[in-house]
Amino acid sequence: MSEAFDSTETLDVKGASCPMPVVKTKQAVDDLNTGSVLEVVSTDSGSMSDIEGWAEGTSGVALLEQVEDGDVYKHYVEKTD
């Protein structure tokens, strides 16, 4: 099932809708050190595809996992360079 990632920081974007979860995620990842993992917590179901698409199209980041927990969506993004 779900692996537990040791996140460096948590970004709470609950209540925000597209495109803000991606915008805030990008800003937060930019401030991380290489190898750090950001946990993004959202209530926007669209964030599942939005953050996945952003991570796939962005060099220097890796989407490690996405977890749907009821009405909350958690994304684990690693800064790779």
N, C-alpha and C. Protein backbone atom coordinates (compact mmCIF):
# COMPACT_ATOMS: atom_id res chain seq x y z
N MET A 1 0.85 -1.20 0.00
CA MET A 1 0.00 0.00 0.00
C MET A 1 0.87 1.24 0.00
N SER A 2 0.81 2.04 1.02
CA SER A 2 1.50 3.33 1.03
C SER A 2 2.82 3.24 1.78
N GLU A 3 3.86 3.78 1.15
CA GLU A 3 5.13 3.89 1.84
C GLU A 3 5.10 5.16 2.68
N ALA A 4 5.86 5.16 3.74
CA ALA A 4 5.95 6.37 4.56
C ALA A 4 7.20 7.12 4.11
N PHE A 5 7.01 8.29 3.58
CA PHE A 5 8.14 9.11 3.17
C PHE A 5 8.47 10.09 4.28
N ASP A 6 9.74 10.26 4.52
CA ASP A 6 10.20 11.21 5.52
C ASP A 6 10.24 12.58 4.87
N SER A 7 9.15 13.32 5.00
CA SER A 7 9.08 14.62 4.34
C SER A 7 9.83 15.67 5.13
N THR A 8 10.52 16.52 4.39
CA THR A 8 11.27 17.61 4.97
C THR A 8 10.33 18.73 5.41
N GLU A 9 9.33 18.98 4.57
CA GLU A 9 8.36 20.03 4.84
C GLU A 9 6.98 19.57 4.42
N THR A 10 5.97 20.19 5.02
CA THR A 10 4.58 19.93 4.62
C THR A 10 3.98 21.24 4.13
N LEU A 11 3.33 21.16 2.98
CA LEU A 11 2.64 22.30 2.39
C LEU A 11 1.15 22.02 2.45
N ASP A 12 0.42 22.86 3.18
CA ASP A 12 -1.03 22.69 3.33
C ASP A 12 -1.73 23.62 2.34
N VAL A 13 -2.31 23.04 1.29
CA VAL A 13 -3.06 23.84 0.32
C VAL A 13 -4.54 23.44 0.33
N LYS A 14 -5.01 22.95 1.47
CA LYS A 14 -6.42 22.56 1.59
C LYS A 14 -7.30 23.79 1.34
N GLY A 15 -8.34 23.59 0.56
CA GLY A 15 -9.26 24.68 0.25
C GLY A 15 -8.88 25.44 -1.01
N ALA A 16 -7.66 25.26 -1.49
CA ALA A 16 -7.22 25.94 -2.72
C ALA A 16 -7.58 25.08 -3.92
N SER A 17 -7.98 25.73 -5.00
CA SER A 17 -8.31 24.99 -6.21
C SER A 17 -7.35 25.36 -7.33
N CYS A 18 -7.42 24.60 -8.40
CA CYS A 18 -6.52 24.77 -9.54
C CYS A 18 -6.47 26.23 -9.98
N PRO A 19 -5.31 26.77 -10.21
CA PRO A 19 -4.00 26.12 -10.29
C PRO A 19 -3.16 26.27 -9.03
N MET A 20 -3.75 26.76 -7.94
CA MET A 20 -2.94 27.12 -6.76
C MET A 20 -2.16 25.96 -6.13
N PRO A 21 -2.70 24.74 -6.04
CA PRO A 21 -1.86 23.68 -5.46
C PRO A 21 -0.54 23.49 -6.22
N VAL A 22 -0.58 23.56 -7.55
CA VAL A 22 0.64 23.42 -8.35
C VAL A 22 1.54 24.64 -8.17
N VAL A 23 0.97 25.82 -8.20
CA VAL A 23 1.76 27.06 -8.04
C VAL A 23 2.48 27.05 -6.70
N LYS A 24 1.74 26.74 -5.63
CA LYS A 24 2.34 26.73 -4.29
C LYS A 24 3.37 25.60 -4.16
N THR A 25 3.10 24.45 -4.78
CA THR A 25 4.06 23.34 -4.75
C THR A 25 5.36 23.75 -5.41
N LYS A 26 5.28 24.37 -6.58
CA LYS A 26 6.48 24.81 -7.29
C LYS A 26 7.28 25.79 -6.42
N GLN A 27 6.59 26.75 -5.82
CA GLN A 27 7.28 27.73 -4.97
C GLN A 27 7.97 27.05 -3.79
N ALA A 28 7.30 26.09 -3.17
CA ALA A 28 7.87 25.41 -2.01
C ALA A 28 9.05 24.54 -2.41
N VAL A 29 8.96 23.83 -3.54
CA VAL A 29 10.05 22.98 -4.00
C VAL A 29 11.27 23.83 -4.34
N ASP A 30 11.06 25.00 -4.92
CA ASP A 30 12.18 25.89 -5.26
C ASP A 30 13.02 26.24 -4.04
N ASP A 31 12.39 26.28 -2.87
CA ASP A 31 13.07 26.66 -1.63
C ASP A 31 13.73 25.47 -0.92
N LEU A 32 13.53 24.26 -1.42
CA LEU A 32 14.09 23.07 -0.77
C LEU A 32 15.51 22.79 -1.24
N ASN A 33 16.24 22.06 -0.42
CA ASN A 33 17.55 21.56 -0.81
C ASN A 33 17.36 20.28 -1.61
N THR A 34 18.33 19.96 -2.46
CA THR A 34 18.31 18.73 -3.24
C THR A 34 18.19 17.53 -2.29
N GLY A 35 17.31 16.61 -2.64
CA GLY A 35 17.08 15.42 -1.83
C GLY A 35 15.97 15.58 -0.81
N SER A 36 15.48 16.79 -0.63
CA SER A 36 14.39 17.03 0.32
C SER A 36 13.06 16.58 -0.29
N VAL A 37 12.14 16.17 0.59
CA VAL A 37 10.83 15.71 0.15
C VAL A 37 9.76 16.63 0.73
N LEU A 38 8.88 17.09 -0.15
CA LEU A 38 7.77 17.97 0.23
C LEU A 38 6.49 17.15 0.24
N GLU A 39 5.77 17.20 1.36
CA GLU A 39 4.44 16.60 1.44
C GLU A 39 3.43 17.71 1.16
N VAL A 40 2.62 17.53 0.13
CA VAL A 40 1.59 18.51 -0.22
C VAL A 40 0.25 17.91 0.16
N VAL A 41 -0.52 18.65 0.97
CA VAL A 41 -1.83 18.18 1.43
C VAL A 41 -2.90 19.08 0.81
N SER A 42 -3.79 18.46 0.03
CA SER A 42 -4.78 19.21 -0.73
C SER A 42 -6.16 18.60 -0.55
N THR A 43 -7.19 19.43 -0.78
CA THR A 43 -8.56 18.92 -0.81
C THR A 43 -9.13 19.00 -2.23
N ASP A 44 -8.32 19.40 -3.19
CA ASP A 44 -8.73 19.52 -4.59
C ASP A 44 -8.44 18.19 -5.30
N SER A 45 -9.49 17.48 -5.70
CA SER A 45 -9.28 16.18 -6.35
C SER A 45 -8.48 16.33 -7.64
N GLY A 46 -8.58 17.48 -8.28
CA GLY A 46 -7.82 17.73 -9.50
C GLY A 46 -6.33 17.80 -9.27
N SER A 47 -5.94 18.00 -8.01
CA SER A 47 -4.50 18.08 -7.71
C SER A 47 -3.79 16.77 -8.02
N MET A 48 -4.52 15.65 -8.02
CA MET A 48 -3.90 14.36 -8.33
C MET A 48 -3.30 14.38 -9.73
N SER A 49 -4.08 14.79 -10.71
CA SER A 49 -3.56 14.84 -12.08
C SER A 49 -2.71 16.08 -12.31
N ASP A 50 -3.06 17.19 -11.68
CA ASP A 50 -2.31 18.44 -11.89
C ASP A 50 -0.87 18.33 -11.40
N ILE A 51 -0.69 17.83 -10.20
CA ILE A 51 0.66 17.74 -9.63
C ILE A 51 1.46 16.65 -10.35
N GLU A 52 0.78 15.56 -10.73
CA GLU A 52 1.47 14.52 -11.50
C GLU A 52 1.97 15.07 -12.83
N GLY A 53 1.12 15.80 -13.53
CA GLY A 53 1.50 16.38 -14.81
C GLY A 53 2.62 17.40 -14.67
N TRP A 54 2.54 18.22 -13.63
CA TRP A 54 3.59 19.20 -13.38
C TRP A 54 4.92 18.51 -13.11
N ALA A 55 4.91 17.48 -12.27
CA ALA A 55 6.15 16.79 -11.91
C ALA A 55 6.76 16.10 -13.13
N GLU A 56 5.92 15.50 -13.98
CA GLU A 56 6.43 14.81 -15.17
C GLU A 56 7.07 15.80 -16.15
N GLY A 57 6.55 17.02 -16.19
CA GLY A 57 7.06 18.00 -17.13
C GLY A 57 8.10 18.94 -16.56
N THR A 58 8.53 18.70 -15.34
CA THR A 58 9.47 19.59 -14.67
C THR A 58 10.75 18.84 -14.33
N SER A 59 11.87 19.35 -14.82
CA SER A 59 13.13 18.70 -14.46
C SER A 59 13.50 19.11 -13.04
N GLY A 60 14.18 18.21 -12.35
CA GLY A 60 14.63 18.51 -11.00
C GLY A 60 13.66 18.12 -9.90
N VAL A 61 12.53 17.50 -10.29
CA VAL A 61 11.58 17.03 -9.28
C VAL A 61 11.13 15.62 -9.64
N ALA A 62 10.77 14.86 -8.61
CA ALA A 62 10.22 13.52 -8.81
C ALA A 62 9.01 13.35 -7.92
N LEU A 63 7.92 12.90 -8.50
CA LEU A 63 6.73 12.59 -7.73
C LEU A 63 6.90 11.18 -7.18
N LEU A 64 7.04 11.05 -5.87
CA LEU A 64 7.30 9.76 -5.25
C LEU A 64 6.03 8.96 -5.05
N GLU A 65 4.98 9.63 -4.62
CA GLU A 65 3.73 8.93 -4.32
C GLU A 65 2.60 9.93 -4.20
N GLN A 66 1.38 9.44 -4.48
CA GLN A 66 0.17 10.21 -4.23
C GLN A 66 -0.78 9.29 -3.45
N VAL A 67 -1.42 9.85 -2.43
CA VAL A 67 -2.31 9.08 -1.58
C VAL A 67 -3.64 9.80 -1.47
N GLU A 68 -4.73 9.07 -1.71
CA GLU A 68 -6.07 9.63 -1.52
C GLU A 68 -6.59 9.09 -0.20
N ASP A 69 -6.90 10.00 0.72
CA ASP A 69 -7.37 9.64 2.05
C ASP A 69 -8.69 10.35 2.30
N GLY A 70 -9.77 9.76 1.82
CA GLY A 70 -11.07 10.41 1.94
C GLY A 70 -11.11 11.64 1.05
N ASP A 71 -11.32 12.81 1.65
CA ASP A 71 -11.37 14.06 0.90
C ASP A 71 -10.03 14.77 0.87
N VAL A 72 -8.98 14.11 1.35
CA VAL A 72 -7.65 14.73 1.41
C VAL A 72 -6.72 13.97 0.46
N TYR A 73 -5.94 14.72 -0.29
CA TYR A 73 -5.01 14.15 -1.26
C TYR A 73 -3.60 14.56 -0.85
N LYS A 74 -2.73 13.56 -0.71
CA LYS A 74 -1.35 13.84 -0.29
C LYS A 74 -0.40 13.48 -1.42
N HIS A 75 0.53 14.37 -1.66
CA HIS A 75 1.50 14.21 -2.73
C HIS A 75 2.89 14.34 -2.12
N TYR A 76 3.79 13.46 -2.51
CA TYR A 76 5.16 13.50 -2.01
C TYR A 76 6.10 13.79 -3.18
N VAL A 77 6.70 14.98 -3.14
CA VAL A 77 7.54 15.45 -4.24
C VAL A 77 8.96 15.63 -3.74
N GLU A 78 9.91 15.03 -4.43
CA GLU A 78 11.32 15.15 -4.06
C GLU A 78 12.02 16.11 -5.01
N LYS A 79 12.83 16.99 -4.44
CA LYS A 79 13.67 17.85 -5.27
C LYS A 79 14.93 17.06 -5.60
N THR A 80 15.15 16.78 -6.88
CA THR A 80 16.23 15.90 -7.28
C THR A 80 17.50 16.64 -7.73
N ASP A 81 17.37 17.92 -8.02
CA ASP A 81 18.58 18.72 -8.32
C ASP A 81 18.29 20.20 -8.21
